[in-house]
N, C-alpha and C. Protein backbone atom coordinates (compact mmCIF):
# COMPACT_ATOMS: atom_id res chain seq x y z
N MET A 1 18.34 -34.00 -10.25
CA MET A 1 19.09 -32.24 -9.74
C MET A 1 19.08 -31.03 -10.73
N ASN A 2 18.60 -29.47 -10.50
CA ASN A 2 18.00 -29.41 -11.26
C ASN A 2 19.55 -28.01 -11.73
N THR A 3 19.43 -27.96 -12.24
CA THR A 3 20.93 -27.18 -13.01
C THR A 3 19.88 -25.55 -12.83
N ILE A 4 21.88 -25.13 -12.52
CA ILE A 4 21.30 -23.28 -12.39
C ILE A 4 21.14 -22.67 -13.83
N PRO A 5 20.36 -21.86 -13.99
CA PRO A 5 21.11 -21.01 -15.58
C PRO A 5 22.02 -19.25 -14.92
N LYS A 6 22.31 -20.36 -16.65
CA LYS A 6 23.06 -19.22 -16.91
C LYS A 6 22.29 -18.07 -16.72
N ILE A 7 22.46 -17.17 -16.09
CA ILE A 7 22.12 -15.59 -17.02
C ILE A 7 22.35 -14.47 -16.47
N SER A 8 23.00 -12.93 -17.35
CA SER A 8 23.30 -12.46 -17.80
C SER A 8 23.05 -10.80 -17.75
N VAL A 9 24.05 -9.72 -17.27
CA VAL A 9 23.22 -8.89 -17.86
C VAL A 9 22.58 -9.30 -18.87
N GLY A 10 21.50 -7.85 -19.63
CA GLY A 10 20.43 -7.94 -21.00
C GLY A 10 21.00 -9.17 -21.89
N ASP A 11 20.51 -10.19 -20.62
CA ASP A 11 19.17 -11.98 -21.51
C ASP A 11 17.80 -11.09 -21.21
N MET A 12 17.34 -11.84 -22.23
CA MET A 12 16.15 -11.78 -22.13
C MET A 12 14.77 -12.62 -21.66
N LEU A 13 14.10 -12.79 -21.15
CA LEU A 13 13.91 -14.15 -20.16
C LEU A 13 11.74 -13.93 -20.62
N GLU A 14 11.46 -15.33 -20.40
CA GLU A 14 10.55 -15.92 -20.71
C GLU A 14 10.20 -16.15 -19.60
N LEU A 15 8.96 -15.60 -18.98
CA LEU A 15 8.56 -16.41 -18.39
C LEU A 15 7.46 -17.64 -17.48
N LYS A 16 7.22 -18.38 -17.09
CA LYS A 16 6.04 -19.15 -17.72
C LYS A 16 4.78 -18.42 -16.95
N LYS A 17 5.01 -17.44 -15.35
CA LYS A 17 3.13 -16.56 -15.67
C LYS A 17 3.12 -15.46 -16.34
N LYS A 18 2.34 -15.26 -16.76
CA LYS A 18 2.37 -13.50 -17.58
C LYS A 18 2.21 -12.31 -16.58
N HIS A 19 2.81 -11.48 -17.04
CA HIS A 19 2.72 -9.70 -16.62
C HIS A 19 2.05 -9.47 -16.12
N PRO A 20 0.64 -8.97 -15.14
CA PRO A 20 -0.79 -8.07 -15.65
C PRO A 20 -1.26 -7.77 -16.09
N CYS A 21 0.35 -6.73 -17.56
CA CYS A 21 0.15 -6.49 -18.44
C CYS A 21 -0.34 -7.44 -19.58
N GLY A 22 0.47 -8.39 -20.13
CA GLY A 22 0.22 -9.69 -20.73
C GLY A 22 0.84 -9.82 -20.51
N SER A 23 2.75 -8.80 -20.99
CA SER A 23 3.83 -9.48 -21.30
C SER A 23 4.73 -10.91 -20.53
N LYS A 24 5.01 -11.71 -21.08
CA LYS A 24 5.78 -12.98 -20.41
C LYS A 24 7.09 -12.53 -20.90
N ASN A 25 8.41 -11.61 -21.32
CA ASN A 25 9.76 -10.84 -21.07
C ASN A 25 9.54 -9.91 -20.48
N PHE A 26 10.65 -9.82 -19.99
CA PHE A 26 11.43 -9.57 -19.22
C PHE A 26 13.02 -9.39 -19.69
N LEU A 27 13.25 -8.55 -19.84
CA LEU A 27 14.55 -7.13 -19.26
C LEU A 27 15.61 -8.32 -18.35
N VAL A 28 16.87 -8.74 -17.68
CA VAL A 28 17.62 -8.02 -17.35
C VAL A 28 18.48 -6.97 -16.98
N THR A 29 18.37 -6.35 -15.95
CA THR A 29 19.17 -4.84 -15.73
C THR A 29 20.71 -4.76 -14.20
N ARG A 30 19.66 -6.09 -13.62
CA ARG A 30 21.40 -5.96 -12.46
C ARG A 30 20.68 -7.44 -12.17
N LEU A 31 21.95 -7.91 -11.75
CA LEU A 31 22.74 -9.65 -10.76
C LEU A 31 22.96 -9.17 -10.21
N GLY A 32 22.56 -10.40 -8.90
CA GLY A 32 23.70 -9.77 -7.20
C GLY A 32 22.43 -11.10 -6.84
N SER A 33 21.95 -11.28 -5.93
CA SER A 33 20.89 -12.61 -4.74
C SER A 33 19.90 -11.93 -5.10
N ASP A 34 19.43 -10.86 -5.22
CA ASP A 34 18.44 -10.00 -6.14
C ASP A 34 18.19 -9.57 -6.98
N VAL A 35 17.50 -10.28 -8.30
CA VAL A 35 18.03 -9.24 -9.70
C VAL A 35 16.23 -8.76 -9.90
N ARG A 36 17.16 -7.96 -10.34
CA ARG A 36 16.42 -6.75 -11.22
C ARG A 36 15.98 -6.72 -12.82
N ILE A 37 14.90 -6.94 -13.02
CA ILE A 37 14.14 -7.10 -14.29
C ILE A 37 13.41 -6.50 -14.47
N LEU A 38 13.36 -5.58 -16.22
CA LEU A 38 12.51 -5.62 -16.87
C LEU A 38 10.84 -5.96 -17.31
N CYS A 39 10.27 -5.41 -17.23
CA CYS A 39 8.54 -5.94 -18.23
C CYS A 39 9.49 -5.01 -19.75
N THR A 40 9.41 -5.54 -20.70
CA THR A 40 8.51 -5.59 -22.19
C THR A 40 7.93 -5.13 -22.65
N GLY A 41 6.75 -5.92 -21.40
CA GLY A 41 5.88 -4.92 -21.51
C GLY A 41 5.18 -3.08 -21.69
N CYS A 42 5.25 -2.87 -19.82
CA CYS A 42 5.00 -1.75 -19.97
C CYS A 42 5.60 -1.01 -19.23
N GLU A 43 6.90 -2.00 -19.35
CA GLU A 43 8.18 -1.36 -18.48
C GLU A 43 8.36 -1.46 -17.06
N ARG A 44 7.72 -1.09 -15.79
CA ARG A 44 8.14 -2.00 -14.65
C ARG A 44 8.73 -2.63 -14.60
N ASP A 45 9.80 -1.97 -13.84
CA ASP A 45 10.58 -2.23 -12.98
C ASP A 45 10.80 -3.00 -11.46
N MET A 46 11.05 -4.76 -11.76
CA MET A 46 10.68 -5.76 -10.62
C MET A 46 12.25 -5.81 -9.80
N VAL A 47 12.42 -6.43 -7.97
CA VAL A 47 13.38 -6.93 -8.29
C VAL A 47 13.34 -8.00 -7.73
N LEU A 48 13.35 -8.88 -7.90
CA LEU A 48 13.54 -10.70 -7.59
C LEU A 48 14.28 -11.47 -7.04
N PRO A 49 14.59 -11.88 -5.70
CA PRO A 49 14.82 -13.01 -4.98
C PRO A 49 15.57 -14.33 -6.32
N ARG A 50 16.84 -14.00 -6.87
CA ARG A 50 17.90 -14.77 -7.46
C ARG A 50 16.61 -16.70 -6.93
N VAL A 51 16.57 -17.31 -6.80
CA VAL A 51 16.05 -18.22 -6.56
C VAL A 51 14.67 -18.35 -6.76
N LYS A 52 13.50 -17.28 -6.38
CA LYS A 52 12.60 -17.57 -6.32
C LYS A 52 12.01 -16.86 -7.88
N LEU A 53 13.48 -16.68 -8.58
CA LEU A 53 13.03 -15.97 -10.83
C LEU A 53 13.96 -17.44 -11.02
N GLU A 54 14.31 -18.53 -10.87
CA GLU A 54 14.99 -19.09 -11.48
C GLU A 54 14.29 -19.73 -11.56
N LYS A 55 13.25 -20.15 -10.59
CA LYS A 55 12.48 -21.82 -9.92
C LYS A 55 10.80 -20.60 -11.54
N ALA A 56 10.96 -19.33 -12.15
CA ALA A 56 9.79 -19.22 -12.57
C ALA A 56 10.41 -18.98 -13.99
N ILE A 57 11.89 -18.69 -15.06
CA ILE A 57 12.33 -18.98 -16.51
C ILE A 57 12.04 -20.49 -16.98
N LYS A 58 10.95 -19.69 -18.35
CA LYS A 58 10.76 -21.35 -19.28
C LYS A 58 11.62 -21.26 -19.75
N LYS A 59 12.65 -19.80 -20.29
CA LYS A 59 13.27 -19.03 -21.82
C LYS A 59 14.26 -18.95 -21.12
N ILE A 60 15.87 -18.37 -22.04
CA ILE A 60 16.34 -17.32 -21.92
C ILE A 60 16.79 -16.94 -22.78
N ILE A 61 16.82 -16.02 -23.61
CA ILE A 61 17.34 -15.61 -24.75
C ILE A 61 18.52 -15.12 -24.43
N PRO A 62 19.23 -15.83 -25.02
CA PRO A 62 21.78 -14.66 -24.02
C PRO A 62 21.19 -13.66 -25.43
N THR A 63 22.11 -12.26 -24.57
CA THR A 63 21.47 -11.63 -25.43
C THR A 63 23.05 -12.03 -26.55
N GLU A 64 22.85 -10.92 -27.26
CA GLU A 64 24.07 -11.41 -28.96
C GLU A 64 24.88 -10.10 -28.31
N GLU A 65 26.56 -10.86 -28.49
CA GLU A 65 27.01 -10.57 -28.25
C GLU A 65 27.77 -9.95 -29.25
N LYS A 66 28.38 -8.70 -30.25
CA LYS A 66 29.08 -8.09 -30.70
C LYS A 66 30.03 -7.84 -30.52
N TYR A 67 31.47 -8.07 -31.01
CA TYR A 67 32.81 -7.85 -30.92
C TYR A 67 33.11 -6.89 -32.48
N ASP A 68 32.84 -7.47 -33.65
CA ASP A 68 32.67 -6.64 -34.97
C ASP A 68 33.41 -5.25 -34.18
N ASP A 69 34.81 -4.60 -34.60
CA ASP A 69 34.79 -3.50 -34.83
C ASP A 69 35.69 -2.93 -36.06
């Protein structure tokens, strides 16, 4: 059984396939039943269904949370 990946806004995703610009890394900008991601190579904005995106993820690079005041 597959586990559901924990994705949050600000995470960097490395996908299995390259974007036409050649980049594999995408930044998560919005979550919901659809997920909005931004290509780090050409800054193309895309909205994908969460189920389709979860199958395409190779690695999740979480946001470094900094709460030091």
